[in-house]
N, C-alpha and C. Protein backbone atom coordinates (compact mmCIF):
# COMPACT_ATOMS: atom_id res chain seq x y z
N MET A 1 112.05 -28.49 38.77
CA MET A 1 111.69 -27.59 37.71
C MET A 1 110.37 -26.92 38.07
N ASN A 2 110.25 -25.78 37.58
CA ASN A 2 108.98 -25.10 37.87
C ASN A 2 107.93 -25.52 36.86
N GLN A 3 106.71 -25.15 37.16
CA GLN A 3 105.57 -25.61 36.38
C GLN A 3 105.53 -25.07 34.95
N PRO A 4 105.87 -23.81 34.66
CA PRO A 4 105.82 -23.35 33.28
C PRO A 4 106.82 -24.11 32.40
N THR A 5 107.94 -24.53 32.97
CA THR A 5 108.93 -25.27 32.18
C THR A 5 108.38 -26.64 31.82
N LEU A 6 107.72 -27.26 32.79
CA LEU A 6 107.14 -28.58 32.53
C LEU A 6 106.05 -28.50 31.49
N LEU A 7 105.27 -27.45 31.54
CA LEU A 7 104.21 -27.30 30.54
C LEU A 7 104.80 -27.07 29.16
N LEU A 8 105.90 -26.37 29.11
CA LEU A 8 106.55 -26.12 27.83
C LEU A 8 107.10 -27.42 27.26
N LEU A 9 107.70 -28.26 28.11
CA LEU A 9 108.23 -29.55 27.66
C LEU A 9 107.11 -30.49 27.22
N ALA A 10 105.99 -30.44 27.92
CA ALA A 10 104.87 -31.29 27.58
C ALA A 10 104.26 -30.88 26.24
N ALA A 11 104.39 -29.64 25.88
CA ALA A 11 103.80 -29.16 24.65
C ALA A 11 104.63 -29.53 23.43
N ILE A 12 105.89 -29.94 23.62
CA ILE A 12 106.75 -30.33 22.48
C ILE A 12 106.30 -31.72 22.02
N PRO A 13 106.05 -31.88 20.76
CA PRO A 13 105.57 -33.18 20.26
C PRO A 13 106.68 -34.25 20.32
N GLY A 14 106.32 -35.52 20.29
CA GLY A 14 107.24 -36.67 20.38
C GLY A 14 108.22 -36.74 19.23
N GLU A 15 107.84 -36.21 18.07
CA GLU A 15 108.72 -36.23 16.92
C GLU A 15 109.97 -35.40 17.17
N VAL A 16 109.83 -34.37 17.96
CA VAL A 16 110.98 -33.53 18.26
C VAL A 16 111.98 -34.32 19.12
N TYR A 17 111.47 -35.03 20.11
CA TYR A 17 112.34 -35.86 20.95
C TYR A 17 113.04 -36.94 20.11
N LEU A 18 112.28 -37.52 19.21
CA LEU A 18 112.85 -38.54 18.33
C LEU A 18 113.94 -37.94 17.45
N SER A 19 113.70 -36.78 16.91
CA SER A 19 114.70 -36.11 16.06
C SER A 19 115.93 -35.75 16.88
N LEU A 20 115.69 -35.25 18.08
CA LEU A 20 116.79 -34.88 18.95
C LEU A 20 117.65 -36.12 19.29
N GLY A 21 117.02 -37.25 19.57
CA GLY A 21 117.75 -38.49 19.85
C GLY A 21 118.57 -38.95 18.66
N PHE A 22 117.99 -38.81 17.47
CA PHE A 22 118.69 -39.18 16.25
C PHE A 22 119.93 -38.32 16.04
N VAL A 23 119.82 -37.02 16.29
CA VAL A 23 120.95 -36.11 16.14
C VAL A 23 122.06 -36.48 17.13
N VAL A 24 121.68 -36.81 18.37
CA VAL A 24 122.67 -37.20 19.38
C VAL A 24 123.37 -38.49 18.95
N LEU A 25 122.64 -39.45 18.44
CA LEU A 25 123.22 -40.72 17.99
C LEU A 25 124.19 -40.50 16.84
N VAL A 26 123.81 -39.73 15.85
CA VAL A 26 124.69 -39.45 14.71
C VAL A 26 125.93 -38.69 15.18
N GLY A 27 125.76 -37.76 16.09
CA GLY A 27 126.89 -37.01 16.62
C GLY A 27 127.88 -37.90 17.35
N SER A 28 127.38 -38.85 18.14
CA SER A 28 128.29 -39.76 18.87
C SER A 28 129.04 -40.68 17.90
N ILE A 29 128.40 -41.09 16.83
CA ILE A 29 129.08 -41.93 15.83
C ILE A 29 130.20 -41.14 15.15
N ILE A 30 129.91 -39.89 14.82
CA ILE A 30 130.91 -39.05 14.16
C ILE A 30 132.10 -38.82 15.10
N VAL A 31 131.83 -38.54 16.37
CA VAL A 31 132.90 -38.31 17.33
C VAL A 31 133.75 -39.57 17.49
N THR A 32 133.13 -40.75 17.55
CA THR A 32 133.85 -42.02 17.69
C THR A 32 134.76 -42.26 16.49
N ARG A 33 134.26 -41.97 15.29
CA ARG A 33 135.08 -42.17 14.08
C ARG A 33 136.27 -41.22 14.05
N ILE A 34 136.05 -39.99 14.46
CA ILE A 34 137.15 -39.02 14.48
C ILE A 34 138.22 -39.48 15.46
N ARG A 35 137.80 -39.96 16.63
CA ARG A 35 138.77 -40.44 17.62
C ARG A 35 139.54 -41.65 17.10
N SER A 36 138.86 -42.59 16.45
CA SER A 36 139.56 -43.77 15.95
C SER A 36 140.54 -43.41 14.84
N LYS A 37 140.21 -42.43 14.00
CA LYS A 37 141.15 -41.99 12.95
C LYS A 37 142.38 -41.34 13.57
N LYS A 38 142.17 -40.56 14.63
CA LYS A 38 143.31 -39.96 15.32
C LYS A 38 144.20 -41.05 15.94
N ARG A 39 143.59 -42.07 16.53
CA ARG A 39 144.33 -43.17 17.13
C ARG A 39 145.13 -43.93 16.06
N GLU A 40 144.50 -44.18 14.93
CA GLU A 40 145.19 -44.85 13.83
C GLU A 40 146.36 -44.02 13.32
N ALA A 41 146.16 -42.72 13.27
CA ALA A 41 147.22 -41.84 12.80
C ALA A 41 148.41 -41.89 13.76
N ARG A 42 148.12 -41.97 15.07
CA ARG A 42 149.22 -42.05 16.04
C ARG A 42 149.92 -43.40 15.96
N MET A 43 149.17 -44.49 15.81
CA MET A 43 149.73 -45.83 15.81
C MET A 43 150.32 -46.20 14.45
N GLY A 44 149.79 -45.71 13.41
CA GLY A 44 150.23 -46.08 12.07
C GLY A 44 149.43 -47.28 11.60
N THR A 45 149.01 -47.25 10.39
CA THR A 45 148.25 -48.36 9.82
C THR A 45 148.89 -48.78 8.52
N PHE A 46 148.39 -49.85 8.00
CA PHE A 46 148.91 -50.35 6.73
C PHE A 46 148.32 -49.57 5.55
N ASP A 47 147.36 -48.70 5.85
CA ASP A 47 146.74 -47.92 4.78
C ASP A 47 147.54 -46.67 4.45
N GLU A 48 148.58 -46.39 5.24
CA GLU A 48 149.38 -45.20 4.99
C GLU A 48 150.14 -45.35 3.68
N PRO A 49 150.31 -44.27 2.95
CA PRO A 49 151.12 -44.38 1.73
C PRO A 49 152.58 -44.64 2.12
N GLY A 50 153.18 -45.60 1.45
CA GLY A 50 154.58 -45.93 1.71
C GLY A 50 154.77 -46.96 2.81
N SER A 51 153.69 -47.38 3.49
CA SER A 51 153.85 -48.36 4.57
C SER A 51 154.28 -49.71 4.00
N ASP A 52 153.80 -50.07 2.82
CA ASP A 52 154.22 -51.33 2.20
C ASP A 52 155.72 -51.34 1.95
N THR A 53 156.22 -50.25 1.47
CA THR A 53 157.66 -50.15 1.19
C THR A 53 158.46 -50.22 2.48
N LYS A 54 157.98 -49.55 3.50
CA LYS A 54 158.66 -49.55 4.79
C LYS A 54 158.70 -50.96 5.37
N ILE A 55 157.58 -51.64 5.37
CA ILE A 55 157.50 -52.99 5.92
C ILE A 55 158.34 -53.95 5.10
N ARG A 56 158.28 -53.83 3.79
CA ARG A 56 159.07 -54.69 2.92
C ARG A 56 160.57 -54.50 3.20
N GLY A 57 160.98 -53.25 3.37
CA GLY A 57 162.39 -52.96 3.67
C GLY A 57 162.82 -53.57 4.99
N GLU A 58 161.96 -53.47 6.00
CA GLU A 58 162.29 -54.06 7.30
C GLU A 58 162.39 -55.58 7.20
N LEU A 59 161.48 -56.19 6.45
CA LEU A 59 161.53 -57.64 6.28
C LEU A 59 162.78 -58.09 5.53
N GLU A 60 163.16 -57.34 4.51
CA GLU A 60 164.37 -57.67 3.77
C GLU A 60 165.60 -57.53 4.65
N GLU A 61 165.61 -56.50 5.49
CA GLU A 61 166.72 -56.30 6.42
C GLU A 61 166.80 -57.46 7.41
N LEU A 62 165.66 -57.90 7.89
CA LEU A 62 165.62 -59.03 8.82
C LEU A 62 166.09 -60.31 8.14
N ALA A 63 165.68 -60.51 6.89
CA ALA A 63 166.12 -61.70 6.15
C ALA A 63 167.63 -61.69 5.95
N VAL A 64 168.21 -60.53 5.68
CA VAL A 64 169.66 -60.42 5.52
C VAL A 64 170.36 -60.77 6.83
N GLN A 65 169.83 -60.30 7.93
CA GLN A 65 170.43 -60.60 9.24
C GLN A 65 170.37 -62.10 9.53
N VAL A 66 169.25 -62.73 9.21
CA VAL A 66 169.11 -64.17 9.42
C VAL A 66 170.12 -64.93 8.56
N GLN A 67 170.30 -64.50 7.31
CA GLN A 67 171.27 -65.15 6.43
C GLN A 67 172.69 -65.01 6.97
N GLU A 68 173.02 -63.83 7.50
CA GLU A 68 174.36 -63.62 8.04
C GLU A 68 174.61 -64.51 9.26
N ILE A 69 173.63 -64.60 10.13
CA ILE A 69 173.76 -65.45 11.31
C ILE A 69 173.89 -66.91 10.89
N THR A 70 173.11 -67.32 9.90
CA THR A 70 173.18 -68.70 9.41
C THR A 70 174.55 -68.99 8.83
N ARG A 71 175.09 -68.07 8.04
CA ARG A 71 176.43 -68.27 7.48
C ARG A 71 177.48 -68.40 8.58
N GLU A 72 177.37 -67.57 9.61
CA GLU A 72 178.32 -67.63 10.72
C GLU A 72 178.25 -68.99 11.42
N GLN A 73 177.04 -69.47 11.66
CA GLN A 73 176.88 -70.74 12.36
C GLN A 73 177.38 -71.90 11.50
N ILE A 74 177.12 -71.84 10.20
CA ILE A 74 177.61 -72.89 9.30
C ILE A 74 179.12 -72.87 9.26
N ALA A 75 179.71 -71.69 9.23
CA ALA A 75 181.17 -71.58 9.22
C ALA A 75 181.76 -72.18 10.50
N LYS A 76 181.14 -71.88 11.64
CA LYS A 76 181.61 -72.45 12.91
C LYS A 76 181.50 -73.98 12.89
N ALA A 77 180.39 -74.48 12.37
CA ALA A 77 180.21 -75.93 12.30
C ALA A 77 181.25 -76.56 11.37
N ASP A 78 181.54 -75.91 10.25
CA ASP A 78 182.56 -76.42 9.32
C ASP A 78 183.93 -76.49 9.99
N VAL A 79 184.27 -75.46 10.74
CA VAL A 79 185.56 -75.46 11.45
C VAL A 79 185.62 -76.62 12.43
N LYS A 80 184.55 -76.84 13.16
CA LYS A 80 184.53 -77.93 14.13
C LYS A 80 184.61 -79.29 13.43
N ILE A 81 183.95 -79.42 12.30
CA ILE A 81 184.01 -80.68 11.55
C ILE A 81 185.43 -80.94 11.06
N ARG A 82 186.07 -79.88 10.55
CA ARG A 82 187.47 -80.04 10.10
C ARG A 82 188.37 -80.44 11.25
N MET A 83 188.16 -79.82 12.41
CA MET A 83 188.97 -80.16 13.57
C MET A 83 188.76 -81.62 13.98
N LEU A 84 187.50 -82.06 13.96
CA LEU A 84 187.20 -83.44 14.31
C LEU A 84 187.82 -84.41 13.31
N ASN A 85 187.74 -84.07 12.03
CA ASN A 85 188.36 -84.93 11.02
C ASN A 85 189.87 -85.01 11.23
N GLN A 86 190.49 -83.89 11.54
CA GLN A 86 191.94 -83.88 11.80
C GLN A 86 192.27 -84.74 13.02
N LEU A 87 191.44 -84.63 14.07
CA LEU A 87 191.67 -85.45 15.25
C LEU A 87 191.49 -86.94 14.95
N LEU A 88 190.55 -87.26 14.09
CA LEU A 88 190.37 -88.67 13.70
C LEU A 88 191.58 -89.18 12.93
N ILE A 89 192.11 -88.36 12.04
CA ILE A 89 193.31 -88.75 11.29
C ILE A 89 194.47 -88.98 12.25
N GLU A 90 194.64 -88.05 13.20
CA GLU A 90 195.71 -88.20 14.18
C GLU A 90 195.52 -89.44 15.03
N ALA A 91 194.28 -89.73 15.41
CA ALA A 91 194.00 -90.92 16.22
C ALA A 91 194.33 -92.19 15.43
N ASP A 92 193.99 -92.21 14.14
CA ASP A 92 194.32 -93.37 13.31
C ASP A 92 195.84 -93.55 13.21
N GLN A 93 196.56 -92.45 13.06
CA GLN A 93 198.02 -92.54 12.99
C GLN A 93 198.59 -93.07 14.30
N LYS A 94 198.07 -92.58 15.42
CA LYS A 94 198.55 -93.05 16.73
C LYS A 94 198.22 -94.53 16.92
N GLN A 95 197.07 -94.95 16.44
CA GLN A 95 196.70 -96.35 16.56
C GLN A 95 197.67 -97.22 15.76
N LYS A 96 198.02 -96.80 14.55
CA LYS A 96 198.97 -97.56 13.73
C LYS A 96 200.34 -97.62 14.40
N GLU A 97 200.77 -96.47 14.97
CA GLU A 97 202.05 -96.45 15.67
C GLU A 97 202.03 -97.41 16.86
N LEU A 98 200.94 -97.40 17.59
CA LEU A 98 200.81 -98.28 18.75
C LEU A 98 200.82 -99.74 18.32
N GLU A 99 200.15 -100.06 17.23
CA GLU A 99 200.16 -101.43 16.75
C GLU A 99 201.56 -101.86 16.34
N LYS A 100 202.31 -100.96 15.70
CA LYS A 100 203.70 -101.28 15.33
C LYS A 100 204.54 -101.53 16.56
N LEU A 101 204.35 -100.69 17.59
CA LEU A 101 205.11 -100.87 18.82
C LEU A 101 204.74 -102.17 19.52
N MET A 102 203.49 -102.53 19.47
CA MET A 102 203.05 -103.77 20.12
C MET A 102 203.65 -104.98 19.40
N VAL A 103 203.74 -104.93 18.08
CA VAL A 103 204.33 -106.04 17.31
C VAL A 103 205.81 -106.17 17.64
N ARG A 104 206.50 -105.06 17.80
CA ARG A 104 207.94 -105.09 18.11
C ARG A 104 208.20 -105.67 19.49
N GLU A 105 207.33 -105.38 20.44
CA GLU A 105 207.57 -105.79 21.82
C GLU A 105 207.13 -107.20 22.11
N LEU A 106 206.43 -107.85 21.22
CA LEU A 106 206.04 -109.25 21.46
C LEU A 106 207.29 -110.13 21.46
N PRO A 107 207.40 -111.01 22.44
CA PRO A 107 208.56 -111.90 22.44
C PRO A 107 208.45 -112.90 21.29
N PRO A 108 209.59 -113.29 20.77
CA PRO A 108 209.52 -114.27 19.68
C PRO A 108 208.94 -115.58 20.20
N ALA A 109 208.19 -116.19 19.36
CA ALA A 109 207.55 -117.45 19.76
C ALA A 109 208.60 -118.54 19.88
N GLU A 110 208.53 -119.29 20.96
CA GLU A 110 209.48 -120.40 21.16
C GLU A 110 209.01 -121.59 20.33
N PRO A 111 209.93 -122.24 19.70
CA PRO A 111 209.51 -123.40 18.91
C PRO A 111 209.03 -124.51 19.83
N ARG A 112 207.98 -125.13 19.47
CA ARG A 112 207.41 -126.22 20.25
C ARG A 112 207.93 -127.53 19.71
N GLU A 113 207.95 -128.49 20.59
CA GLU A 113 208.49 -129.81 20.19
C GLU A 113 207.55 -130.48 19.21
N SER A 114 206.27 -130.46 19.50
CA SER A 114 205.33 -131.05 18.55
C SER A 114 204.20 -130.05 18.34
N PRO A 115 203.90 -129.78 17.10
CA PRO A 115 202.85 -128.82 16.84
C PRO A 115 201.49 -129.36 17.30
N PRO A 116 200.78 -128.58 18.04
CA PRO A 116 199.46 -129.05 18.48
C PRO A 116 198.49 -129.06 17.31
N GLU A 117 197.47 -129.87 17.47
CA GLU A 117 196.46 -129.93 16.42
C GLU A 117 195.74 -128.59 16.37
N GLU A 118 195.63 -128.11 15.18
CA GLU A 118 194.96 -126.82 15.05
C GLU A 118 193.46 -127.05 14.93
N SER A 119 192.75 -126.41 15.80
CA SER A 119 191.29 -126.47 15.74
C SER A 119 190.81 -125.12 15.23
N PRO A 120 189.62 -125.07 14.70
CA PRO A 120 189.14 -123.78 14.24
C PRO A 120 189.18 -122.78 15.40
N ARG A 121 189.71 -121.64 15.06
CA ARG A 121 189.91 -120.64 16.11
C ARG A 121 188.56 -120.05 16.52
N GLU A 122 188.30 -120.14 17.79
CA GLU A 122 187.10 -119.57 18.38
C GLU A 122 187.42 -118.12 18.72
N PRO A 123 186.61 -117.19 18.30
CA PRO A 123 186.90 -115.80 18.66
C PRO A 123 186.93 -115.66 20.17
N SER A 124 187.87 -114.83 20.61
CA SER A 124 188.00 -114.66 22.05
C SER A 124 186.72 -114.02 22.58
N ARG A 125 186.22 -114.61 23.62
CA ARG A 125 184.98 -114.13 24.23
C ARG A 125 185.32 -113.52 25.59
N PRO A 126 184.91 -112.31 25.81
CA PRO A 126 185.18 -111.70 27.10
C PRO A 126 184.25 -112.26 28.18
N GLU A 127 184.57 -111.96 29.39
CA GLU A 127 183.74 -112.44 30.48
C GLU A 127 182.56 -111.51 30.73
N ASN A 128 182.49 -110.41 30.04
CA ASN A 128 181.39 -109.47 30.20
C ASN A 128 180.15 -110.04 29.53
N PRO A 129 179.06 -110.22 30.27
CA PRO A 129 177.85 -110.81 29.66
C PRO A 129 177.24 -109.93 28.57
N LEU A 130 177.39 -108.62 28.68
CA LEU A 130 176.87 -107.74 27.64
C LEU A 130 177.63 -107.96 26.33
N HIS A 131 178.95 -108.10 26.44
CA HIS A 131 179.76 -108.36 25.25
C HIS A 131 179.36 -109.70 24.65
N GLU A 132 179.18 -110.70 25.50
CA GLU A 132 178.78 -112.03 25.00
C GLU A 132 177.44 -111.95 24.27
N GLN A 133 176.51 -111.16 24.83
CA GLN A 133 175.21 -111.02 24.17
C GLN A 133 175.37 -110.37 22.79
N ILE A 134 176.19 -109.33 22.72
CA ILE A 134 176.40 -108.64 21.44
C ILE A 134 177.07 -109.58 20.44
N PHE A 135 178.06 -110.35 20.88
CA PHE A 135 178.75 -111.28 19.98
C PHE A 135 177.78 -112.35 19.49
N SER A 136 176.94 -112.87 20.38
CA SER A 136 176.02 -113.93 19.95
C SER A 136 174.98 -113.37 18.97
N LEU A 137 174.53 -112.12 19.19
CA LEU A 137 173.58 -111.53 18.25
C LEU A 137 174.24 -111.30 16.89
N THR A 138 175.52 -110.92 16.90
CA THR A 138 176.25 -110.74 15.65
C THR A 138 176.40 -112.07 14.93
N ASP A 139 176.74 -113.13 15.69
CA ASP A 139 176.88 -114.45 15.10
C ASP A 139 175.55 -114.94 14.52
N ALA A 140 174.45 -114.47 15.10
CA ALA A 140 173.13 -114.86 14.61
C ALA A 140 172.74 -114.08 13.35
N GLY A 141 173.60 -113.15 12.92
CA GLY A 141 173.35 -112.42 11.69
C GLY A 141 172.66 -111.08 11.88
N LYS A 142 172.59 -110.59 13.09
CA LYS A 142 171.94 -109.31 13.35
C LYS A 142 172.88 -108.17 12.98
N THR A 143 172.29 -107.06 12.51
CA THR A 143 173.08 -105.87 12.19
C THR A 143 173.30 -105.07 13.47
N PRO A 144 174.28 -104.17 13.46
CA PRO A 144 174.50 -103.35 14.66
C PRO A 144 173.27 -102.54 15.06
N GLU A 145 172.49 -102.08 14.08
CA GLU A 145 171.29 -101.32 14.40
C GLU A 145 170.28 -102.19 15.13
N GLU A 146 170.12 -103.45 14.69
CA GLU A 146 169.20 -104.36 15.35
C GLU A 146 169.69 -104.70 16.75
N ILE A 147 171.00 -104.82 16.90
CA ILE A 147 171.57 -105.11 18.22
C ILE A 147 171.29 -103.94 19.16
N CYS A 148 171.39 -102.71 18.64
CA CYS A 148 171.09 -101.53 19.46
C CYS A 148 169.66 -101.59 19.98
N GLY A 149 168.75 -101.99 19.12
CA GLY A 149 167.36 -102.07 19.52
C GLY A 149 167.12 -103.10 20.61
N GLU A 150 167.86 -104.20 20.56
CA GLU A 150 167.65 -105.26 21.54
C GLU A 150 168.38 -105.01 22.85
N THR A 151 169.53 -104.35 22.78
CA THR A 151 170.32 -104.16 24.00
C THR A 151 170.13 -102.79 24.63
N GLY A 152 169.64 -101.81 23.87
CA GLY A 152 169.47 -100.47 24.39
C GLY A 152 170.75 -99.65 24.36
N LEU A 153 171.78 -100.15 23.70
CA LEU A 153 173.05 -99.43 23.60
C LEU A 153 173.04 -98.51 22.39
N GLU A 154 173.96 -97.58 22.37
CA GLU A 154 174.15 -96.70 21.21
C GLU A 154 174.92 -97.47 20.13
N ILE A 155 174.77 -97.04 18.89
CA ILE A 155 175.43 -97.70 17.76
C ILE A 155 176.95 -97.66 17.92
N GLY A 156 177.48 -96.55 18.43
CA GLY A 156 178.92 -96.43 18.62
C GLY A 156 179.44 -97.43 19.63
N GLU A 157 178.67 -97.69 20.69
CA GLU A 157 179.09 -98.66 21.70
C GLU A 157 179.13 -100.06 21.11
N VAL A 158 178.09 -100.40 20.35
CA VAL A 158 178.04 -101.73 19.74
C VAL A 158 179.21 -101.92 18.78
N GLU A 159 179.47 -100.90 17.95
CA GLU A 159 180.57 -101.01 16.99
C GLU A 159 181.91 -101.10 17.70
N MET A 160 182.06 -100.39 18.82
CA MET A 160 183.30 -100.45 19.58
C MET A 160 183.50 -101.85 20.16
N ILE A 161 182.45 -102.44 20.70
CA ILE A 161 182.56 -103.79 21.27
C ILE A 161 182.86 -104.80 20.18
N LEU A 162 182.24 -104.64 19.01
CA LEU A 162 182.54 -105.54 17.89
C LEU A 162 183.98 -105.32 17.40
N GLY A 163 184.48 -104.08 17.51
CA GLY A 163 185.87 -103.81 17.15
C GLY A 163 186.84 -104.49 18.11
N ILE A 164 186.47 -104.57 19.38
CA ILE A 164 187.30 -105.28 20.36
C ILE A 164 187.43 -106.74 19.99
N ARG A 165 186.35 -107.30 19.47
CA ARG A 165 186.36 -108.71 19.10
C ARG A 165 187.38 -108.99 18.01
N LYS A 166 187.54 -108.02 17.09
CA LYS A 166 188.46 -108.21 15.97
C LYS A 166 189.91 -108.19 16.42
N LEU A 167 190.20 -107.52 17.55
CA LEU A 167 191.58 -107.45 18.04
C LEU A 167 191.92 -108.77 18.59
């Protein structure tokens, strides 16, 4: 810069620089606010009129979709439950038929010359040690749930093994 310009700048009092800085600061704040309002207008805010209604409508639509999906899944589960119940009924019928056939095919008992002394019937014990453990726990008064805890088996397995004992 040349010397007359520097002298002119030196002659301006400090209050002018302070005022000029203040004007620049206020101007930058105003520009920032204008830009943020434009950005909000592009993105959309919750302050827009009707935005509550729009959001509420979208939420209600989503809730209806969730209800429809839930109904469909419940209907599918009901169909599967009915099918399983039907299969259980058929299995019970087949079991009864099999038992009838087994009774028919047993040879008639031959009469014995002298009836043996009847001793209290001991339940048949399998040679499987796991079965023996389950039977002894049952004889000790344990419930199937308690037996599951001690043996690590599922309740269905324990009940099936106990069902074998009854045959």
